[in-house]
């Protein structure tokens, strides 16, 4: 680009920065795109885009994508979303465009991408109605305060626009000043018809995690159950209470070896959550690209530019994958949690057709409160093993039990049993569990990691595996480096061998 030698500039901030530079005599200032010298070459529509980017500041860059403030929505939306395209076509006087709107506005947004400002770093906050509210702890209370400094908007725009409220979950005219946990929550009772207590805690934590910005550690929840277990009803409840920040996918990408199409990609970029009520696998395998794309936060190349997704995903299915090398890795277990469905009781209270704003707000604030109080996800070892082993989990159901505070020997024997039955190395198994939650493993004095809260059942099935696991566990217990087992005597171990035989 050809630049002129620095002269007096009307841009005070740029001039002051340059004057303060120690090597200013060797510096030049390029006033593009603020200069008006090229405006007559841009055309009317490009000038509208320039005004939106540089003066009104209602077009900004967030996570490497363009977002636009739409007054009718009261919030910021992805520029290539359906709402964003319609609004831009109106602003650019392209009302005759009825189809292929994304193609029509693409050249103008390409120009906008070059000149637009970035959103300032987003603090820990939540979006309610048309406001972004910062969350901070004061004497044990979770308080909320308005955020109005993320975007340098034109003074004639409302102050709330500066908060960059994006995909608000709670649409309410009453804005709370603090987050309070309500014990009585009707939606809890309805969800407990299809989920047990531990699974509900995981779901609540995950929803709260998706509602709090900046979003990190996005999860994919895979609801696994037989026909009639209420999977579809559960997804419908989530779509109802998360109205405004959740979108259903148009197709099942789990069994397809392809990325999201432009329609689903644009919808996901404008939402915090995505769902699909009935997915299946491809002969026991999954679409790893889809997993990484939805939750990883990596840049995705598309026809309308790069997009970065950090969505929480809810999927439901009658089937589950089998364990294979491509998903027996940390990237998969870090993102995925399998939650089993309960058999739906015929006498259970059916879900409502719709919920009041108070019921939704109570549930969502409880989710946010639970996430802020519990830093790590409350996953159990049962759900971790279901996720890692997939369909192979059925092999260990009869010989493994989950016991709180089980001793070291029981845990190690059970871990060896899982390794033998499911053909997975113990070290790999422990490392995958640790990625899901460090609270599910413990470290010995010799810095070895083992899974907690598991033990062999009293059943003799399968006898050979149980016997082998116990013998191998006892051999480890004889390791003199392990201080936990200095008092174990050989005759006690021989008695245990007789019992197992």
Protein backbone atom coordinates (compact mmCIF):
# COMPACT_ATOMS: atom_id res chain seq x y z
CA UNK A 1 0.00 0.00 0.00
CA UNK A 2 1.31 3.48 -0.89
CA UNK A 3 1.36 5.80 2.10
CA UNK A 4 2.15 9.48 2.41
CA UNK A 5 4.61 10.99 4.80
CA UNK A 6 2.99 11.91 8.09
CA UNK A 7 1.14 15.22 8.13
CA UNK A 8 -1.32 16.76 10.56
CA UNK A 9 -4.06 14.23 11.18
CA UNK A 10 -7.59 14.66 12.41
CA UNK A 11 -7.33 11.31 14.17
CA UNK A 12 -6.13 12.48 17.57
CA UNK A 13 -5.66 9.03 19.07
CA UNK A 14 -3.43 7.87 16.20
CA UNK A 15 -1.48 11.13 16.23
CA UNK A 16 -0.89 11.04 19.96
CA UNK A 17 0.27 7.44 19.82
CA UNK A 18 2.66 8.25 17.00
CA UNK A 19 4.03 11.35 18.73
CA UNK A 20 4.81 9.29 21.81
CA UNK A 21 6.77 6.75 19.77
CA UNK A 22 10.58 7.09 20.30
CA UNK A 23 11.30 6.55 16.58
CA UNK A 24 8.52 8.79 15.28
CA UNK A 25 10.78 10.48 12.73
CA UNK A 26 11.05 7.14 10.92
CA UNK A 27 7.29 6.43 11.16
CA UNK A 28 4.48 7.09 8.71
CA UNK A 29 0.76 7.24 9.30
CA UNK A 30 -1.70 5.66 6.88
CA UNK A 31 -5.14 7.21 7.40
CA UNK A 32 -6.99 4.55 5.40
CA UNK A 33 -9.87 3.71 5.86
CA UNK A 34 -10.67 6.94 7.76
CA UNK A 35 -9.56 9.11 4.85
CA UNK A 36 -12.31 10.47 2.61
CA UNK A 37 -10.06 10.68 -0.46
CA UNK A 38 -11.31 7.35 -1.82
CA UNK A 39 -14.96 7.67 -0.80
CA UNK A 40 -16.11 8.72 -4.26
CA UNK A 41 -14.76 5.41 -5.59
CA UNK A 42 -16.51 3.19 -3.06
CA UNK A 43 -20.13 3.59 -4.07
CA UNK A 44 -23.17 4.28 -1.91
CA UNK A 45 -23.48 0.80 -0.41
CA UNK A 46 -19.82 0.61 0.55
CA UNK A 47 -20.18 4.01 2.22
CA UNK A 48 -23.09 2.63 4.26
CA UNK A 49 -20.85 -0.23 5.41
CA UNK A 50 -18.06 2.22 6.22
CA UNK A 51 -20.44 4.33 8.30
CA UNK A 52 -21.67 1.26 10.19
CA UNK A 53 -18.10 0.13 10.93
CA UNK A 54 -16.27 3.38 11.70
CA UNK A 55 -18.89 5.80 12.97
CA UNK A 56 -22.00 3.99 14.23
CA UNK A 57 -19.87 1.00 15.33
CA UNK A 58 -22.83 -1.35 14.90
CA UNK A 59 -20.60 -3.80 13.00
CA UNK A 60 -17.78 -5.37 15.02
CA UNK A 61 -15.42 -8.33 14.93
CA UNK A 62 -15.86 -11.00 17.60
CA UNK A 63 -14.02 -14.36 17.65
CA UNK A 64 -12.77 -13.60 14.13
CA UNK A 65 -16.31 -13.21 12.75
CA UNK A 66 -18.47 -10.18 12.00
CA UNK A 67 -21.40 -9.40 14.31
CA UNK A 68 -24.04 -6.74 13.74
CA UNK A 69 -26.42 -5.00 16.12
CA UNK A 70 -30.02 -5.52 15.00
CA UNK A 71 -32.41 -3.07 16.71
CA UNK A 72 -35.45 -5.31 16.26
CA UNK A 73 -33.65 -8.09 18.15
CA UNK A 74 -32.14 -5.81 20.80
CA UNK A 75 -28.90 -7.78 20.59
CA UNK A 76 -25.88 -8.54 18.41
CA UNK A 77 -26.16 -11.37 15.89
CA UNK A 78 -23.82 -13.16 13.50
CA UNK A 79 -23.76 -11.12 10.30
CA UNK A 80 -24.52 -14.13 8.08
CA UNK A 81 -27.41 -15.36 10.21
CA UNK A 82 -30.90 -15.13 8.76
CA UNK A 83 -31.72 -12.05 10.84
CA UNK A 84 -28.37 -10.43 10.09
CA UNK A 85 -28.73 -10.92 6.33
CA UNK A 86 -32.25 -9.47 6.31
CA UNK A 87 -31.18 -6.41 8.29
CA UNK A 88 -28.12 -5.75 6.12
CA UNK A 89 -30.16 -6.10 2.93
CA UNK A 90 -32.53 -3.46 4.30
CA UNK A 91 -29.69 -1.10 5.26
CA UNK A 92 -28.08 -1.53 1.83
CA UNK A 93 -31.38 -0.98 0.01
CA UNK A 94 -31.34 -4.51 -1.42
CA UNK A 95 -34.97 -5.30 -0.66
CA UNK A 96 -35.34 -7.03 -4.03
CA UNK A 97 -33.01 -9.82 -2.83
CA UNK A 98 -35.26 -12.70 -1.74
CA UNK A 99 -32.86 -15.64 -2.12
CA UNK A 100 -29.08 -15.99 -1.88
CA UNK A 101 -28.88 -13.02 0.47
CA UNK A 102 -25.57 -14.29 1.86
CA UNK A 103 -24.02 -14.15 -1.61
CA UNK A 104 -25.41 -10.66 -2.20
CA UNK A 105 -23.93 -9.12 0.97
CA UNK A 106 -20.64 -11.08 0.94
CA UNK A 107 -18.60 -8.44 -1.01
CA UNK A 108 -19.69 -5.68 1.37
CA UNK A 109 -18.89 -7.67 4.50
CA UNK A 110 -15.51 -8.58 3.02
CA UNK A 111 -14.76 -4.85 2.94
CA UNK A 112 -16.17 -4.46 6.46
CA UNK A 113 -13.86 -7.20 7.75
CA UNK A 114 -10.83 -5.11 6.73
CA UNK A 115 -11.84 -1.93 8.55
CA UNK A 116 -13.97 -3.06 11.48
CA UNK A 117 -12.89 -2.86 15.14
CA UNK A 118 -12.60 -5.81 17.50
CA UNK A 119 -14.80 -6.19 20.56
CA UNK A 120 -12.88 -5.51 23.75
CA UNK A 121 -12.11 -8.52 26.00
CA UNK A 122 -15.37 -9.89 27.37
CA UNK A 123 -15.41 -10.17 31.19
CA UNK A 124 -17.11 -12.99 33.10
CA UNK A 125 -20.70 -12.06 32.38
CA UNK A 126 -24.13 -13.24 31.24
CA UNK A 127 -26.56 -11.83 28.68
CA UNK A 128 -30.09 -11.10 29.90
CA UNK A 129 -32.76 -9.52 27.70
CA UNK A 130 -30.79 -6.76 25.90
CA UNK A 131 -28.13 -6.27 28.60
CA UNK A 132 -24.79 -7.85 29.37
CA UNK A 133 -24.27 -8.18 33.12
CA UNK A 134 -20.88 -8.69 34.75
CA UNK A 135 -20.74 -11.34 37.49
CA UNK A 136 -18.59 -10.69 40.54
CA UNK A 137 -18.31 -12.15 44.02
CA UNK A 138 -18.91 -9.82 46.96
CA UNK A 139 -18.79 -11.30 50.47
CA UNK A 140 -20.04 -14.67 49.24
CA UNK A 141 -22.82 -13.24 47.08
CA UNK A 142 -22.86 -13.40 43.28
CA UNK A 143 -23.75 -9.87 42.20
CA UNK A 144 -24.51 -8.45 38.75
CA UNK A 145 -23.66 -5.08 37.20
CA UNK A 146 -24.18 -3.70 33.71
CA UNK A 147 -21.38 -3.81 31.15
CA UNK A 148 -21.29 -0.78 28.82
CA UNK A 149 -17.73 -0.56 27.54
CA UNK A 150 -17.11 -3.45 25.12
CA UNK A 151 -17.96 -1.51 21.94
CA UNK A 152 -17.26 2.17 21.23
CA UNK A 153 -20.65 2.97 19.72
CA UNK A 154 -21.95 6.27 18.40
CA UNK A 155 -23.46 8.44 21.18
CA UNK A 156 -26.87 8.37 19.55
CA UNK A 157 -27.13 4.61 20.04
CA UNK A 158 -28.50 3.29 23.36
CA UNK A 159 -25.93 2.71 26.09
CA UNK A 160 -26.85 -0.98 26.31
CA UNK A 161 -25.51 -1.50 22.77
CA UNK A 162 -22.00 -1.03 24.13
CA UNK A 163 -22.43 -4.12 26.31
CA UNK A 164 -22.40 -6.41 23.25
CA UNK A 165 -25.31 -8.58 24.41
CA UNK A 166 -25.16 -11.66 22.17
CA UNK A 167 -27.55 -14.64 22.16
CA UNK A 168 -29.35 -13.73 25.42
CA UNK A 169 -30.82 -16.73 27.21
CA UNK A 170 -33.25 -15.01 29.55
CA UNK A 171 -35.76 -12.62 28.03
CA UNK A 172 -37.23 -10.77 30.97
CA UNK A 173 -38.26 -7.20 31.71
CA UNK A 174 -37.06 -7.58 35.30
CA UNK A 175 -33.26 -7.55 35.66
CA UNK A 176 -31.92 -9.04 38.88
CA UNK A 177 -28.99 -7.51 40.75
CA UNK A 178 -27.69 -10.83 42.08
CA UNK A 179 -27.85 -14.55 41.37
CA UNK A 180 -29.79 -16.52 43.97
CA UNK A 181 -30.26 -20.28 44.02
CA UNK A 182 -33.95 -21.24 44.36
CA UNK A 183 -34.59 -24.62 46.00
CA UNK A 184 -38.05 -24.93 44.45
CA UNK A 185 -37.69 -25.39 40.71
CA UNK A 186 -40.48 -27.14 38.84
CA UNK A 187 -38.31 -27.90 35.82
CA UNK A 188 -35.96 -29.92 38.06
CA UNK A 189 -38.79 -32.30 38.93
CA UNK A 190 -39.72 -32.79 35.29
CA UNK A 191 -36.12 -33.53 34.29
CA UNK A 192 -35.76 -36.04 37.13
CA UNK A 193 -38.41 -38.17 35.40
CA UNK A 194 -35.84 -39.10 32.75
CA UNK A 195 -32.47 -38.43 34.46
CA UNK A 196 -31.07 -39.53 37.80
CA UNK A 197 -29.70 -37.03 40.34
CA UNK A 198 -26.07 -37.27 39.20
CA UNK A 199 -26.98 -36.85 35.52
CA UNK A 200 -29.12 -33.81 36.33
CA UNK A 201 -26.19 -32.17 38.14
CA UNK A 202 -24.00 -32.67 35.09
CA UNK A 203 -26.69 -31.19 32.83
CA UNK A 204 -27.22 -28.17 35.11
CA UNK A 205 -23.47 -27.48 35.26
CA UNK A 206 -23.18 -27.77 31.48
CA UNK A 207 -26.05 -25.36 30.83
CA UNK A 208 -24.59 -22.85 33.28
CA UNK A 209 -21.19 -23.18 31.62
CA UNK A 210 -22.71 -22.37 28.23
CA UNK A 211 -24.51 -19.29 29.54
CA UNK A 212 -21.44 -17.65 31.09
CA UNK A 213 -19.10 -15.62 28.89
CA UNK A 214 -16.37 -16.00 27.86
CA UNK A 215 -17.40 -19.56 27.02
CA UNK A 216 -14.72 -22.17 27.68
CA UNK A 217 -14.57 -25.96 27.92
CA UNK A 218 -17.71 -26.40 25.82
CA UNK A 219 -19.29 -29.83 26.20
CA UNK A 220 -21.23 -32.23 24.02
CA UNK A 221 -23.88 -34.08 26.03
CA UNK A 222 -24.94 -37.40 24.49
CA UNK A 223 -28.22 -38.68 25.94
CA UNK A 224 -28.26 -42.45 25.49
CA UNK A 225 -31.42 -44.48 26.00
CA UNK A 226 -33.79 -47.00 24.50
CA UNK A 227 -36.98 -46.15 22.66
CA UNK A 228 -39.62 -44.57 24.90
CA UNK A 229 -37.12 -43.31 27.48
CA UNK A 230 -38.06 -39.68 26.89
CA UNK A 231 -35.04 -38.51 24.88
CA UNK A 232 -37.10 -36.44 22.46
CA UNK A 233 -39.13 -34.94 25.30
CA UNK A 234 -35.91 -34.00 27.11
CA UNK A 235 -34.55 -32.18 24.04
CA UNK A 236 -37.89 -30.39 23.64
CA UNK A 237 -37.74 -29.20 27.27
CA UNK A 238 -34.22 -27.86 26.76
CA UNK A 239 -35.26 -26.09 23.56
CA UNK A 240 -38.15 -24.51 25.43
CA UNK A 241 -36.28 -23.24 28.50
CA UNK A 242 -33.28 -22.10 26.42
CA UNK A 243 -35.45 -20.33 23.87
CA UNK A 244 -33.49 -17.58 22.17
CA UNK A 245 -30.05 -19.15 22.47
CA UNK A 246 -30.55 -22.69 21.14
CA UNK A 247 -31.13 -23.91 17.59
CA UNK A 248 -31.90 -27.42 16.29
CA UNK A 249 -29.68 -28.79 13.55
CA UNK A 250 -31.36 -29.46 10.22
CA UNK A 251 -29.71 -32.87 9.80
CA UNK A 252 -27.83 -35.59 11.69
CA UNK A 253 -24.12 -34.83 11.31
CA UNK A 254 -22.98 -37.63 13.64
CA UNK A 255 -23.32 -40.30 10.97
CA UNK A 256 -22.19 -38.05 8.11
CA UNK A 257 -18.57 -37.52 7.17
CA UNK A 258 -18.98 -33.82 6.44
CA UNK A 259 -18.85 -30.39 8.04
CA UNK A 260 -21.88 -28.26 8.80
CA UNK A 261 -23.56 -26.70 5.79
CA UNK A 262 -23.81 -22.92 5.61
CA UNK A 263 -27.33 -22.83 7.05
CA UNK A 264 -26.46 -24.76 10.21
CA UNK A 265 -23.08 -23.04 10.50
CA UNK A 266 -24.69 -19.58 10.48
CA UNK A 267 -27.35 -20.68 12.98
CA UNK A 268 -24.76 -22.17 15.32
CA UNK A 269 -22.60 -19.03 15.14
CA UNK A 270 -25.54 -17.01 16.49
CA UNK A 271 -26.38 -19.43 19.31
CA UNK A 272 -24.90 -20.79 22.50
CA UNK A 273 -26.52 -24.22 22.24
CA UNK A 274 -27.41 -26.59 19.41
CA UNK A 275 -29.50 -29.75 19.58
CA UNK A 276 -30.54 -32.80 17.60
CA UNK A 277 -33.15 -35.15 19.03
CA UNK A 278 -32.34 -38.29 17.06
CA UNK A 279 -28.84 -39.14 15.84
CA UNK A 280 -27.18 -42.38 14.86
CA UNK A 281 -23.67 -43.65 14.21
CA UNK A 282 -21.99 -44.82 11.04
CA UNK A 283 -21.49 -48.52 11.84
CA UNK A 284 -20.40 -47.59 15.35
CA UNK A 285 -18.22 -44.67 14.30
CA UNK A 286 -18.87 -40.95 14.64
CA UNK A 287 -18.06 -37.83 12.66
CA UNK A 288 -14.99 -36.54 14.54
CA UNK A 289 -14.94 -33.35 12.44
CA UNK A 290 -18.36 -32.41 13.77
CA UNK A 291 -17.24 -32.97 17.39
CA UNK A 292 -14.19 -30.75 17.03
CA UNK A 293 -15.96 -28.11 14.96
CA UNK A 294 -18.83 -27.50 17.39
CA UNK A 295 -16.95 -27.32 20.68
CA UNK A 296 -13.28 -26.74 19.89
CA UNK A 297 -13.26 -23.04 19.07
CA UNK A 298 -11.11 -23.60 15.98
CA UNK A 299 -11.52 -21.43 12.89
CA UNK A 300 -13.82 -22.98 10.30
CA UNK A 301 -13.44 -21.91 6.68
CA UNK A 302 -16.74 -21.28 4.92
CA UNK A 303 -18.05 -19.51 1.84
CA UNK A 304 -18.78 -16.42 3.96
CA UNK A 305 -15.45 -16.32 5.77
CA UNK A 306 -13.90 -17.84 8.86
CA UNK A 307 -16.19 -18.79 11.75
CA UNK A 308 -15.27 -19.82 15.29
CA UNK A 309 -17.83 -21.91 17.21
CA UNK A 310 -17.98 -22.59 20.94
CA UNK A 311 -21.37 -24.23 21.30
CA UNK A 312 -22.74 -26.59 23.91
CA UNK A 313 -24.31 -29.52 22.06
CA UNK A 314 -27.21 -31.76 23.11
CA UNK A 315 -27.64 -35.01 21.16
CA UNK A 316 -29.98 -37.95 21.82
CA UNK A 317 -29.74 -41.46 20.41
CA UNK A 318 -30.71 -45.11 20.80
CA UNK A 319 -27.20 -46.24 19.83
CA UNK A 320 -23.66 -45.38 20.86
CA UNK A 321 -20.23 -45.64 19.30
CA UNK A 322 -17.77 -48.44 19.89
CA UNK A 323 -14.30 -47.69 21.22
CA UNK A 324 -11.81 -47.15 18.40
CA UNK A 325 -8.43 -45.43 18.19
CA UNK A 326 -9.58 -42.11 16.71
CA UNK A 327 -11.80 -41.33 19.71
CA UNK A 328 -9.77 -43.08 22.41
CA UNK A 329 -7.96 -39.80 22.81
CA UNK A 330 -8.03 -36.82 25.15
CA UNK A 331 -9.64 -34.42 22.66
CA UNK A 332 -12.75 -36.63 22.64
CA UNK A 333 -13.16 -37.26 26.35
CA UNK A 334 -12.44 -33.61 27.13
CA UNK A 335 -15.48 -32.60 25.09
CA UNK A 336 -17.94 -35.47 25.51
CA UNK A 337 -20.18 -36.77 28.29
CA UNK A 338 -22.62 -39.66 27.94
CA UNK A 339 -25.68 -39.43 30.20
CA UNK A 340 -27.95 -42.50 30.42
CA UNK A 341 -31.72 -42.05 30.37
CA UNK A 342 -34.00 -43.53 33.01
CA UNK A 343 -36.95 -45.67 32.04
CA UNK A 344 -39.86 -43.23 31.94
CA UNK A 345 -42.51 -43.99 34.54
CA UNK A 346 -46.02 -44.03 33.13
CA UNK A 347 -47.24 -42.08 36.15
CA UNK A 348 -44.63 -39.36 35.69
CA UNK A 349 -45.83 -35.80 35.27
CA UNK A 350 -45.72 -34.95 31.55
CA UNK A 351 -43.73 -31.88 30.49
CA UNK A 352 -45.59 -28.64 29.86
CA UNK A 353 -46.23 -27.30 26.39
CA UNK A 354 -44.50 -24.09 27.47
CA UNK A 355 -43.03 -22.57 30.62
CA UNK A 356 -43.51 -19.15 32.12
CA UNK A 357 -40.71 -16.60 32.10
CA UNK A 358 -40.39 -16.96 35.89
CA UNK A 359 -39.98 -20.75 35.63
CA UNK A 360 -37.37 -20.36 32.89
CA UNK A 361 -35.48 -17.64 34.75
CA UNK A 362 -35.45 -19.66 37.99
CA UNK A 363 -34.05 -22.71 36.22
CA UNK A 364 -31.41 -20.80 34.24
CA UNK A 365 -30.24 -18.74 37.22
CA UNK A 366 -29.93 -21.98 39.19
CA UNK A 367 -27.76 -23.39 36.39
CA UNK A 368 -25.56 -20.29 36.39
CA UNK A 369 -25.29 -20.32 40.19
CA UNK A 370 -24.37 -24.02 40.25
CA UNK A 371 -21.67 -23.50 37.61
CA UNK A 372 -20.13 -20.54 39.43
CA UNK A 373 -20.08 -22.38 42.77
CA UNK A 374 -18.72 -25.66 41.33
CA UNK A 375 -15.59 -24.97 39.31
CA UNK A 376 -15.25 -28.53 37.96
CA UNK A 377 -17.96 -30.59 36.33
CA UNK A 378 -19.58 -33.08 38.78
CA UNK A 379 -19.19 -36.09 36.52
CA UNK A 380 -19.18 -39.58 38.05
CA UNK A 381 -16.85 -42.42 37.12
CA UNK A 382 -19.84 -44.30 35.68
CA UNK A 383 -20.51 -41.60 33.08
CA UNK A 384 -16.79 -41.28 32.37
CA UNK A 385 -16.50 -45.01 31.60
CA UNK A 386 -19.65 -44.91 29.45
CA UNK A 387 -18.09 -42.12 27.41
CA UNK A 388 -14.69 -43.78 27.02
CA UNK A 389 -15.85 -47.36 26.39
CA UNK A 390 -19.01 -46.62 24.38
CA UNK A 391 -20.83 -49.84 23.54
CA UNK A 392 -18.06 -51.76 25.32
CA UNK A 393 -19.43 -50.54 28.65
CA UNK A 394 -21.88 -53.47 28.64
CA UNK A 395 -18.91 -55.85 29.03
CA UNK A 396 -18.10 -54.54 32.50
CA UNK A 397 -21.59 -53.90 33.91
CA UNK A 398 -21.81 -57.24 35.76
CA UNK A 399 -18.31 -57.32 37.19
CA UNK A 400 -17.76 -53.64 38.14
CA UNK A 401 -19.54 -51.72 40.89
CA UNK A 402 -19.24 -48.09 41.91
CA UNK A 403 -18.39 -47.69 45.58
CA UNK A 404 -17.59 -44.40 47.30
CA UNK A 405 -14.24 -44.43 49.13
CA UNK A 406 -13.31 -47.93 47.94
CA UNK A 407 -9.80 -48.93 48.99
CA UNK A 408 -6.77 -48.96 46.75
CA UNK A 409 -6.70 -52.72 46.13
CA UNK A 410 -10.35 -52.79 45.04
CA UNK A 411 -9.85 -49.85 42.69
CA UNK A 412 -6.75 -51.30 41.09
CA UNK A 413 -8.29 -54.75 40.62
CA UNK A 414 -11.37 -53.22 38.98
CA UNK A 415 -9.20 -51.09 36.72
CA UNK A 416 -7.27 -54.15 35.54
CA UNK A 417 -10.55 -55.98 34.93
CA UNK A 418 -11.75 -53.13 32.69
CA UNK A 419 -8.43 -53.16 30.85
CA UNK A 420 -8.67 -56.90 30.15
CA UNK A 421 -12.32 -56.95 29.10
CA UNK A 422 -12.27 -53.80 26.94
CA UNK A 423 -8.75 -54.15 25.51
CA UNK A 424 -7.56 -50.77 26.71
CA UNK A 425 -4.25 -50.02 28.36
CA UNK A 426 -4.56 -49.05 32.05
CA UNK A 427 -2.39 -45.98 31.60
CA UNK A 428 -4.51 -44.81 28.66
CA UNK A 429 -7.72 -45.45 30.59
CA UNK A 430 -6.58 -43.40 33.57
CA UNK A 431 -5.34 -40.53 31.40
CA UNK A 432 -8.70 -40.32 29.61
CA UNK A 433 -10.59 -40.31 32.91
CA UNK A 434 -8.29 -37.63 34.33
CA UNK A 435 -9.04 -35.33 31.38
CA UNK A 436 -12.75 -35.57 32.14
CA UNK A 437 -12.28 -34.82 35.85
CA UNK A 438 -9.18 -34.85 38.03
CA UNK A 439 -11.40 -35.64 41.00
CA UNK A 440 -12.00 -39.15 39.59
CA UNK A 441 -8.36 -40.20 39.98
CA UNK A 442 -5.80 -40.13 42.77
CA UNK A 443 -2.04 -40.17 42.78
CA UNK A 444 0.04 -42.61 44.83
CA UNK A 445 3.26 -41.76 46.63
CA UNK A 446 5.14 -43.09 43.60
CA UNK A 447 3.27 -40.58 41.35
CA UNK A 448 1.09 -43.20 39.68
CA UNK A 449 -2.54 -42.38 38.87
CA UNK A 450 -5.48 -44.69 39.55
CA UNK A 451 -9.24 -44.46 39.13
CA UNK A 452 -11.28 -43.94 42.30
CA UNK A 453 -14.64 -45.27 43.48
CA UNK A 454 -14.71 -48.58 41.57
CA UNK A 455 -14.47 -52.19 42.72
CA UNK A 456 -15.16 -55.72 41.53
CA UNK A 457 -18.60 -57.13 42.23
CA UNK A 458 -19.22 -60.15 44.43
CA UNK A 459 -20.38 -62.14 41.39
CA UNK A 460 -18.01 -64.67 39.89
CA UNK A 461 -18.63 -63.45 36.33
CA UNK A 462 -16.30 -63.61 34.58
CA UNK A 463 -14.33 -65.83 37.01
CA UNK A 464 -11.09 -65.80 35.06
CA UNK A 465 -11.01 -62.03 34.70
CA UNK A 466 -11.82 -61.39 38.35
CA UNK A 467 -9.16 -63.83 39.51
CA UNK A 468 -6.52 -62.39 37.17
CA UNK A 469 -7.35 -58.82 38.19
CA UNK A 470 -7.02 -59.65 41.88
CA UNK A 471 -3.70 -61.42 41.40
CA UNK A 472 -2.26 -58.54 39.37
CA UNK A 473 -3.51 -56.03 41.91
CA UNK A 474 -1.87 -57.94 44.75
CA UNK A 475 1.41 -58.05 42.86
CA UNK A 476 1.31 -54.27 42.65
CA UNK A 477 0.48 -54.03 46.35
CA UNK A 478 3.72 -55.87 47.16
CA UNK A 479 5.70 -53.02 45.60
CA UNK A 480 7.93 -51.78 48.48
CA UNK A 481 7.85 -48.27 46.99
CA UNK A 482 4.16 -47.98 47.79
CA UNK A 483 3.91 -46.67 51.37
CA UNK A 484 0.20 -47.42 51.52
CA UNK A 485 0.88 -51.16 51.63
CA UNK A 486 3.87 -51.71 53.91
CA UNK A 487 1.83 -53.70 56.43
CA UNK A 488 0.39 -56.20 53.95
CA UNK A 489 1.58 -59.71 54.76
CA UNK A 490 2.04 -62.59 52.34
CA UNK A 491 -0.25 -64.99 54.23
CA UNK A 492 -3.12 -62.47 53.92
CA UNK A 493 -2.65 -62.36 50.17
CA UNK A 494 -2.55 -66.14 49.92
CA UNK A 495 -5.83 -66.34 51.82
CA UNK A 496 -7.33 -63.91 49.31
CA UNK A 497 -6.15 -66.12 46.43
CA UNK A 498 -7.88 -69.12 48.00
CA UNK A 499 -11.11 -67.16 48.26
CA UNK A 500 -11.01 -66.13 44.60
CA UNK A 501 -10.26 -69.64 43.43
